[in-house]
C-alpha atoms as a PDB file:
ATOM      1  CA  UNK A   1      -1.590   4.406 -15.468  1.00  0.00           C
ATOM      2  CA  UNK A   2      -3.103   3.378 -12.124  1.00  0.00           C
ATOM      3  CA  UNK A   3      -0.920   4.746  -9.367  1.00  0.00           C
ATOM      4  CA  UNK A   4      -1.838   4.395  -5.753  1.00  0.00           C
ATOM      5  CA  UNK A   5       0.106   5.349  -1.725  1.00  0.00           C
ATOM      6  CA  UNK A   6       0.137   4.330   1.412  1.00  0.00           C
ATOM      7  CA  UNK A   7       0.352   6.452   4.779  1.00  0.00           C
ATOM      8  CA  UNK A   8       2.294   5.537   7.220  1.00  0.00           C
ATOM      9  CA  UNK A   9       2.175   7.379   9.926  1.00  0.00           C
ATOM     10  CA  UNK A  10       3.156   4.689  13.081  1.00  0.00           C
ATOM     11  CA  UNK A  11       7.262   3.460  12.478  1.00  0.00           C
ATOM     12  CA  UNK A  12       6.915   1.184  15.183  1.00  0.00           C
ATOM     13  CA  UNK A  13       3.988  -1.121  14.077  1.00  0.00           C
ATOM     14  CA  UNK A  14       2.754  -1.600  10.461  1.00  0.00           C
ATOM     15  CA  UNK A  15      -0.445  -2.175  11.169  1.00  0.00           C
ATOM     16  CA  UNK A  16      -1.242   0.672  12.702  1.00  0.00           C
ATOM     17  CA  UNK A  17      -1.742   2.034  10.200  1.00  0.00           C
ATOM     18  CA  UNK A  18      -5.506   1.085   8.955  1.00  0.00           C
ATOM     19  CA  UNK A  19      -6.328   4.337  10.813  1.00  0.00           C
ATOM     20  CA  UNK A  20      -6.015   6.227   7.964  1.00  0.00           C
ATOM     21  CA  UNK A  21      -9.540   7.689   6.538  1.00  0.00           C
ATOM     22  CA  UNK A  22      -9.550   8.785   3.125  1.00  0.00           C
ATOM     23  CA  UNK A  23     -13.277   9.565   2.386  1.00  0.00           C
ATOM     24  CA  UNK A  24     -13.196  13.259   2.470  1.00  0.00           C
ATOM     25  CA  UNK A  25      -9.259  13.203   0.169  1.00  0.00           C
ATOM     26  CA  UNK A  26      -9.228  14.937  -2.178  1.00  0.00           C
ATOM     27  CA  UNK A  27      -6.328  14.189  -5.240  1.00  0.00           C
ATOM     28  CA  UNK A  28      -5.112  16.177  -7.299  1.00  0.00           C
ATOM     29  CA  UNK A  29      -2.311  15.504 -10.636  1.00  0.00           C
ATOM     30  CA  UNK A  30      -0.870  18.242 -12.318  1.00  0.00           C
ATOM     31  CA  UNK A  31       2.047  18.377 -15.454  1.00  0.00           C
ATOM     32  CA  UNK A  32       5.281  19.571 -13.612  1.00  0.00           C
ATOM     33  CA  UNK A  33       5.881  22.251 -16.406  1.00  0.00           C
ATOM     34  CA  UNK A  34       2.836  22.609 -17.980  1.00  0.00           C
ATOM     35  CA  UNK A  35       0.453  23.218 -15.146  1.00  0.00           C
ATOM     36  CA  UNK A  36      -2.346  20.639 -16.715  1.00  0.00           C
ATOM     37  CA  UNK A  37      -4.674  19.522 -14.348  1.00  0.00           C
ATOM     38  CA  UNK A  38      -4.738  15.688 -15.447  1.00  0.00           C
ATOM     39  CA  UNK A  39      -8.118  13.754 -14.610  1.00  0.00           C
ATOM     40  CA  UNK A  40      -8.789  10.771 -12.400  1.00  0.00           C
ATOM     41  CA  UNK A  41     -10.785   8.232 -13.075  1.00  0.00           C
ATOM     42  CA  UNK A  42     -11.425   4.998 -10.905  1.00  0.00           C
ATOM     43  CA  UNK A  43     -10.610   6.648  -7.687  1.00  0.00           C
ATOM     44  CA  UNK A  44     -10.078   3.574  -4.222  1.00  0.00           C
ATOM     45  CA  UNK A  45      -9.459   3.361  -1.231  1.00  0.00           C
ATOM     46  CA  UNK A  46      -9.498   0.847   1.252  1.00  0.00           C
ATOM     47  CA  UNK A  47      -8.297  -0.153   5.112  1.00  0.00           C
ATOM     48  CA  UNK A  48      -8.582  -4.108   4.499  1.00  0.00           C
ATOM     49  CA  UNK A  49      -5.004  -5.040   6.139  1.00  0.00           C
ATOM     50  CA  UNK A  50      -5.001  -7.373   2.603  1.00  0.00           C
ATOM     51  CA  UNK A  51      -0.613  -6.447   2.132  1.00  0.00           C
ATOM     52  CA  UNK A  52      -0.757  -2.727   3.228  1.00  0.00           C
ATOM     53  CA  UNK A  53      -2.683  -1.773   5.717  1.00  0.00           C
ATOM     54  CA  UNK A  54      -4.502   1.400   4.073  1.00  0.00           C
ATOM     55  CA  UNK A  55      -4.548   2.018   0.102  1.00  0.00           C
ATOM     56  CA  UNK A  56      -5.448   5.303  -2.009  1.00  0.00           C
ATOM     57  CA  UNK A  57      -5.742   4.168  -5.642  1.00  0.00           C
ATOM     58  CA  UNK A  58      -6.502   6.294  -8.661  1.00  0.00           C
ATOM     59  CA  UNK A  59      -6.377   5.742 -12.795  1.00  0.00           C
ATOM     60  CA  UNK A  60      -4.348   8.799 -15.028  1.00  0.00           C
ATOM     61  CA  UNK A  61      -4.971   8.953 -18.383  1.00  0.00           C
ATOM     62  CA  UNK A  62      -2.438  10.692 -20.179  1.00  0.00           C
ATOM     63  CA  UNK A  63       0.204  10.072 -18.656  1.00  0.00           C
ATOM     64  CA  UNK A  64       3.770  11.022 -20.690  1.00  0.00           C
ATOM     65  CA  UNK A  65       6.673  10.154 -20.246  1.00  0.00           C
ATOM     66  CA  UNK A  66      10.378  11.855 -18.678  1.00  0.00           C
ATOM     67  CA  UNK A  67       7.190  14.252 -17.507  1.00  0.00           C
ATOM     68  CA  UNK A  68       7.338  15.682 -13.074  1.00  0.00           C
ATOM     69  CA  UNK A  69       3.969  15.848 -12.579  1.00  0.00           C
ATOM     70  CA  UNK A  70       3.093  17.205  -8.764  1.00  0.00           C
ATOM     71  CA  UNK A  71       1.040  14.978  -6.465  1.00  0.00           C
ATOM     72  CA  UNK A  72      -1.561  17.030  -4.009  1.00  0.00           C
ATOM     73  CA  UNK A  73      -3.035  15.577  -1.031  1.00  0.00           C
ATOM     74  CA  UNK A  74      -5.892  16.915   1.158  1.00  0.00           C
ATOM     75  CA  UNK A  75      -8.026  15.883   3.187  1.00  0.00           C
ATOM     76  CA  UNK A  76      -6.367  12.997   5.113  1.00  0.00           C
ATOM     77  CA  UNK A  77      -7.392  12.362   8.703  1.00  0.00           C
ATOM     78  CA  UNK A  78      -5.118  10.075   9.590  1.00  0.00           C
ATOM     79  CA  UNK A  79      -5.805   8.778  13.376  1.00  0.00           C
ATOM     80  CA  UNK A  80      -8.251  11.742  13.515  1.00  0.00           C
ATOM     81  CA  UNK A  81      -5.737  14.600  12.506  1.00  0.00           C
ATOM     82  CA  UNK A  82      -6.279  15.928   9.006  1.00  0.00           C
ATOM     83  CA  UNK A  83      -2.978  16.312   7.673  1.00  0.00           C
ATOM     84  CA  UNK A  84      -1.891  17.016   3.495  1.00  0.00           C
ATOM     85  CA  UNK A  85       0.799  15.525   1.859  1.00  0.00           C
ATOM     86  CA  UNK A  86       2.296  15.859  -1.235  1.00  0.00           C
ATOM     87  CA  UNK A  87       5.140  14.263  -4.032  1.00  0.00           C
ATOM     88  CA  UNK A  88       5.852  14.410  -7.223  1.00  0.00           C
ATOM     89  CA  UNK A  89       6.890  12.050  -9.834  1.00  0.00           C
ATOM     90  CA  UNK A  90       8.075  11.427 -13.688  1.00  0.00           C
ATOM     91  CA  UNK A  91       7.531   8.138 -15.329  1.00  0.00           C
ATOM     92  CA  UNK A  92      11.317   7.162 -17.488  1.00  0.00           C
END
């Protein structure tokens, strides 16, 4: 499955969100219940302002329906400040 995320730090000007640097970013996806870390492939990112001001995408094989996954995103540079993000998702 192909997954992606974008970071919108500037809520007033959509296009100012291109100052996101993913070059040192590390993403982990884990099954919430088993703790198994999922393998990520085809990791890419861009700030080309085509559709979105910034985009980080990757593929994860073997995702299961009705399973909760935790995502940890670390080392994102937002206007020169390094930040981490966490979110969860499931496929219904």
